[in-house]
N, C-alpha and C. Protein backbone atom coordinates (compact mmCIF):
# COMPACT_ATOMS: atom_id res chain seq x y z
N MET A 1 -31.18 7.07 -10.67
CA MET A 1 -30.07 6.36 -11.26
C MET A 1 -29.84 6.87 -12.67
N SER A 2 -28.63 6.69 -13.13
CA SER A 2 -28.33 7.08 -14.50
C SER A 2 -28.78 5.97 -15.44
N GLU A 3 -29.06 6.36 -16.66
CA GLU A 3 -29.54 5.40 -17.64
C GLU A 3 -28.69 5.52 -18.90
N ILE A 4 -28.33 4.40 -19.46
CA ILE A 4 -27.51 4.40 -20.67
C ILE A 4 -28.43 4.20 -21.87
N VAL A 5 -28.37 5.15 -22.79
CA VAL A 5 -29.16 5.07 -24.02
C VAL A 5 -28.18 5.21 -25.18
N GLY A 6 -27.86 4.11 -25.80
CA GLY A 6 -26.87 4.12 -26.87
C GLY A 6 -25.51 4.49 -26.31
N ASP A 7 -24.89 5.54 -26.85
CA ASP A 7 -23.60 6.03 -26.36
C ASP A 7 -23.77 7.13 -25.30
N LEU A 8 -25.00 7.53 -25.02
CA LEU A 8 -25.26 8.62 -24.09
C LEU A 8 -25.64 8.09 -22.71
N VAL A 9 -25.28 8.84 -21.70
CA VAL A 9 -25.66 8.50 -20.33
C VAL A 9 -26.54 9.62 -19.82
N THR A 10 -27.73 9.31 -19.41
CA THR A 10 -28.61 10.33 -18.83
C THR A 10 -28.37 10.35 -17.34
N LEU A 11 -28.26 11.55 -16.78
CA LEU A 11 -27.96 11.71 -15.36
C LEU A 11 -29.23 12.00 -14.59
N PRO A 12 -29.26 11.67 -13.31
CA PRO A 12 -30.44 11.97 -12.51
C PRO A 12 -30.63 13.48 -12.38
N VAL A 13 -31.83 13.86 -12.00
CA VAL A 13 -32.18 15.28 -11.91
C VAL A 13 -31.39 15.99 -10.82
N ASP A 14 -31.06 15.33 -9.72
CA ASP A 14 -30.37 15.98 -8.61
C ASP A 14 -28.85 16.08 -8.81
N PHE A 15 -28.33 15.76 -9.99
CA PHE A 15 -26.91 15.86 -10.28
C PHE A 15 -26.49 17.32 -10.33
N LYS A 16 -25.47 17.69 -9.55
CA LYS A 16 -24.97 19.06 -9.54
C LYS A 16 -23.50 19.05 -9.90
N PRO A 17 -23.16 19.54 -11.09
CA PRO A 17 -21.75 19.54 -11.47
C PRO A 17 -20.94 20.48 -10.59
N VAL A 18 -19.68 20.17 -10.43
CA VAL A 18 -18.78 21.00 -9.63
C VAL A 18 -18.09 21.96 -10.57
N ASP A 19 -18.11 23.26 -10.22
CA ASP A 19 -17.40 24.21 -11.09
C ASP A 19 -15.91 24.20 -10.76
N ALA A 20 -15.12 24.76 -11.63
CA ALA A 20 -13.66 24.70 -11.52
C ALA A 20 -13.16 25.35 -10.23
N GLY A 21 -13.84 26.33 -9.72
CA GLY A 21 -13.41 27.01 -8.49
C GLY A 21 -13.49 26.12 -7.27
N GLN A 22 -14.37 25.15 -7.28
CA GLN A 22 -14.53 24.27 -6.13
C GLN A 22 -13.54 23.11 -6.13
N CYS A 23 -12.87 22.85 -7.23
CA CYS A 23 -11.99 21.69 -7.32
C CYS A 23 -10.85 21.76 -6.30
N GLY A 24 -10.26 22.94 -6.10
CA GLY A 24 -9.17 23.07 -5.13
C GLY A 24 -9.65 22.80 -3.72
N VAL A 25 -10.84 23.28 -3.38
CA VAL A 25 -11.39 23.08 -2.05
C VAL A 25 -11.66 21.60 -1.81
N VAL A 26 -12.23 20.93 -2.78
CA VAL A 26 -12.53 19.51 -2.64
C VAL A 26 -11.23 18.72 -2.53
N ALA A 27 -10.24 19.03 -3.36
CA ALA A 27 -8.97 18.31 -3.34
C ALA A 27 -8.25 18.50 -2.01
N SER A 28 -8.24 19.73 -1.48
CA SER A 28 -7.55 19.96 -0.21
C SER A 28 -8.26 19.25 0.93
N GLY A 29 -9.58 19.18 0.87
CA GLY A 29 -10.33 18.45 1.89
C GLY A 29 -10.01 16.97 1.87
N VAL A 30 -9.92 16.41 0.69
CA VAL A 30 -9.58 14.99 0.56
C VAL A 30 -8.16 14.75 1.03
N GLU A 31 -7.26 15.67 0.69
CA GLU A 31 -5.86 15.53 1.10
C GLU A 31 -5.73 15.58 2.61
N SER A 32 -6.44 16.50 3.27
CA SER A 32 -6.34 16.60 4.72
C SER A 32 -6.94 15.37 5.39
N LEU A 33 -7.97 14.79 4.80
CA LEU A 33 -8.52 13.55 5.36
C LEU A 33 -7.50 12.43 5.26
N ALA A 34 -6.77 12.37 4.15
CA ALA A 34 -5.76 11.33 3.99
C ALA A 34 -4.65 11.49 5.01
N VAL A 35 -4.22 12.73 5.27
CA VAL A 35 -3.17 12.97 6.26
C VAL A 35 -3.65 12.57 7.65
N ASN A 36 -4.87 12.95 8.00
CA ASN A 36 -5.41 12.59 9.31
C ASN A 36 -5.55 11.08 9.45
N ASN A 37 -5.96 10.40 8.38
CA ASN A 37 -6.07 8.95 8.42
C ASN A 37 -4.71 8.31 8.65
N ASP A 38 -3.66 8.82 7.99
CA ASP A 38 -2.32 8.28 8.19
C ASP A 38 -1.87 8.47 9.62
N ARG A 39 -2.15 9.63 10.19
CA ARG A 39 -1.76 9.89 11.59
C ARG A 39 -2.48 8.94 12.52
N ARG A 40 -3.75 8.71 12.26
CA ARG A 40 -4.51 7.79 13.11
C ARG A 40 -3.94 6.38 13.04
N LYS A 41 -3.54 5.96 11.81
CA LYS A 41 -2.96 4.63 11.66
C LYS A 41 -1.66 4.53 12.44
N HIS A 42 -0.82 5.58 12.38
CA HIS A 42 0.45 5.55 13.10
C HIS A 42 0.21 5.56 14.60
N MET A 43 -0.74 6.35 15.06
CA MET A 43 -1.03 6.38 16.49
C MET A 43 -1.60 5.05 16.96
N LYS A 44 -2.44 4.41 16.15
CA LYS A 44 -2.97 3.11 16.53
C LYS A 44 -1.83 2.10 16.62
N ALA A 45 -0.86 2.20 15.71
CA ALA A 45 0.28 1.29 15.76
C ALA A 45 1.07 1.50 17.05
N MET A 46 1.26 2.75 17.46
CA MET A 46 1.99 3.02 18.70
C MET A 46 1.21 2.52 19.91
N VAL A 47 -0.09 2.74 19.90
CA VAL A 47 -0.92 2.26 21.01
C VAL A 47 -0.87 0.74 21.08
N ASP A 48 -0.99 0.08 19.92
CA ASP A 48 -0.90 -1.39 19.90
C ASP A 48 0.46 -1.87 20.36
N LEU A 49 1.51 -1.15 19.98
CA LEU A 49 2.87 -1.57 20.34
C LEU A 49 3.07 -1.60 21.85
N PHE A 50 2.53 -0.62 22.56
CA PHE A 50 2.79 -0.53 23.99
C PHE A 50 1.64 -1.00 24.88
N SER A 51 0.53 -1.45 24.27
CA SER A 51 -0.59 -1.84 25.13
C SER A 51 -1.08 -3.27 24.90
N THR A 52 -0.58 -3.95 23.88
CA THR A 52 -1.03 -5.33 23.65
C THR A 52 0.09 -6.30 24.00
N ASP A 53 -0.28 -7.55 24.20
CA ASP A 53 0.73 -8.54 24.56
C ASP A 53 1.73 -8.76 23.44
N TYR A 54 1.27 -8.80 22.21
CA TYR A 54 2.21 -9.00 21.10
C TYR A 54 3.06 -7.77 20.86
N GLY A 55 2.54 -6.58 21.15
CA GLY A 55 3.34 -5.37 21.02
C GLY A 55 4.43 -5.30 22.07
N LEU A 56 4.07 -5.61 23.30
CA LEU A 56 5.06 -5.60 24.38
C LEU A 56 6.11 -6.68 24.17
N PHE A 57 5.70 -7.83 23.66
CA PHE A 57 6.67 -8.89 23.36
C PHE A 57 7.64 -8.42 22.27
N SER A 58 7.11 -7.69 21.27
CA SER A 58 7.98 -7.16 20.20
C SER A 58 8.99 -6.17 20.77
N VAL A 59 8.54 -5.30 21.67
CA VAL A 59 9.46 -4.34 22.30
C VAL A 59 10.51 -5.10 23.10
N GLY A 60 10.10 -6.13 23.82
CA GLY A 60 11.04 -6.93 24.59
C GLY A 60 12.07 -7.61 23.72
N VAL A 61 11.64 -8.17 22.60
CA VAL A 61 12.57 -8.84 21.68
C VAL A 61 13.55 -7.82 21.10
N LEU A 62 13.05 -6.65 20.71
CA LEU A 62 13.94 -5.61 20.17
C LEU A 62 14.97 -5.17 21.21
N ALA A 63 14.53 -4.98 22.45
CA ALA A 63 15.45 -4.58 23.52
C ALA A 63 16.49 -5.68 23.76
N PHE A 64 16.06 -6.95 23.76
CA PHE A 64 16.98 -8.06 23.96
C PHE A 64 18.02 -8.11 22.84
N ILE A 65 17.60 -7.90 21.61
CA ILE A 65 18.53 -7.93 20.48
C ILE A 65 19.56 -6.81 20.60
N ILE A 66 19.13 -5.63 21.01
CA ILE A 66 20.07 -4.50 21.16
C ILE A 66 21.07 -4.79 22.28
N VAL A 67 20.57 -5.29 23.41
CA VAL A 67 21.47 -5.63 24.52
C VAL A 67 22.43 -6.73 24.10
N MET A 68 21.95 -7.72 23.39
CA MET A 68 22.80 -8.81 22.93
C MET A 68 23.87 -8.30 21.96
N ALA A 69 23.51 -7.38 21.08
CA ALA A 69 24.49 -6.82 20.14
C ALA A 69 25.59 -6.07 20.87
N VAL A 70 25.22 -5.30 21.89
CA VAL A 70 26.22 -4.57 22.68
C VAL A 70 27.12 -5.56 23.42
N TRP A 71 26.53 -6.61 23.99
CA TRP A 71 27.32 -7.60 24.72
C TRP A 71 28.30 -8.31 23.78
N PHE A 72 27.82 -8.73 22.60
CA PHE A 72 28.71 -9.40 21.64
C PHE A 72 29.84 -8.47 21.21
N TYR A 73 29.55 -7.21 20.96
CA TYR A 73 30.58 -6.26 20.57
C TYR A 73 31.67 -6.16 21.64
N ARG A 74 31.24 -5.97 22.89
CA ARG A 74 32.22 -5.85 23.98
C ARG A 74 32.98 -7.15 24.20
N PHE A 75 32.28 -8.29 24.12
CA PHE A 75 32.91 -9.60 24.32
C PHE A 75 34.00 -9.85 23.27
N PHE A 76 33.66 -9.70 21.98
CA PHE A 76 34.64 -9.97 20.93
C PHE A 76 35.75 -8.94 20.90
N ASN A 77 35.42 -7.70 21.21
CA ASN A 77 36.46 -6.67 21.27
C ASN A 77 37.46 -6.99 22.38
N ARG A 78 36.96 -7.41 23.53
CA ARG A 78 37.85 -7.78 24.64
C ARG A 78 38.73 -8.99 24.27
N LYS A 79 38.13 -9.99 23.62
CA LYS A 79 38.89 -11.18 23.20
C LYS A 79 39.97 -10.81 22.19
N MET A 80 39.65 -9.89 21.26
CA MET A 80 40.67 -9.49 20.28
C MET A 80 41.82 -8.75 20.95
N LEU A 81 41.50 -7.90 21.93
CA LEU A 81 42.56 -7.18 22.64
C LEU A 81 43.41 -8.14 23.46
N GLU A 82 42.79 -9.15 24.10
CA GLU A 82 43.54 -10.15 24.86
C GLU A 82 44.45 -10.96 23.94
N SER A 83 43.93 -11.34 22.77
CA SER A 83 44.73 -12.10 21.84
C SER A 83 45.90 -11.29 21.33
N GLU A 84 45.67 -10.02 21.07
CA GLU A 84 46.74 -9.13 20.62
C GLU A 84 47.80 -8.97 21.70
N ALA A 85 47.38 -8.86 22.94
CA ALA A 85 48.33 -8.72 24.05
C ALA A 85 49.15 -9.99 24.22
N GLN A 86 48.54 -11.17 24.05
CA GLN A 86 49.26 -12.44 24.15
C GLN A 86 50.29 -12.60 23.04
N GLN A 87 49.96 -12.13 21.85
CA GLN A 87 50.90 -12.25 20.73
C GLN A 87 52.10 -11.34 20.89
N ARG A 88 51.94 -10.25 21.59
CA ARG A 88 53.05 -9.32 21.81
C ARG A 88 54.05 -9.89 22.80
N ARG A 89 53.63 -10.78 23.69
CA ARG A 89 54.52 -11.32 24.73
C ARG A 89 55.54 -12.20 24.17
């Protein structure tokens, strides 16, 4: 363990400083781990969406909302055209 003596910190004997040449390698390794972790999270979300009861219910609700939006669009559009045709008579 490190020890604090006044303003100084003594480091353990097995401490190995990283030279400047290794910084890019370490940073790219950390970056690639972060990208892989993000992909895993997204894939887990997709797996949960299509394989769990709450995921399938969410897909069903989204599909229902889309179908309902299309139905409302066609319904109101038809009513507006009928009303316009009646006013022309």
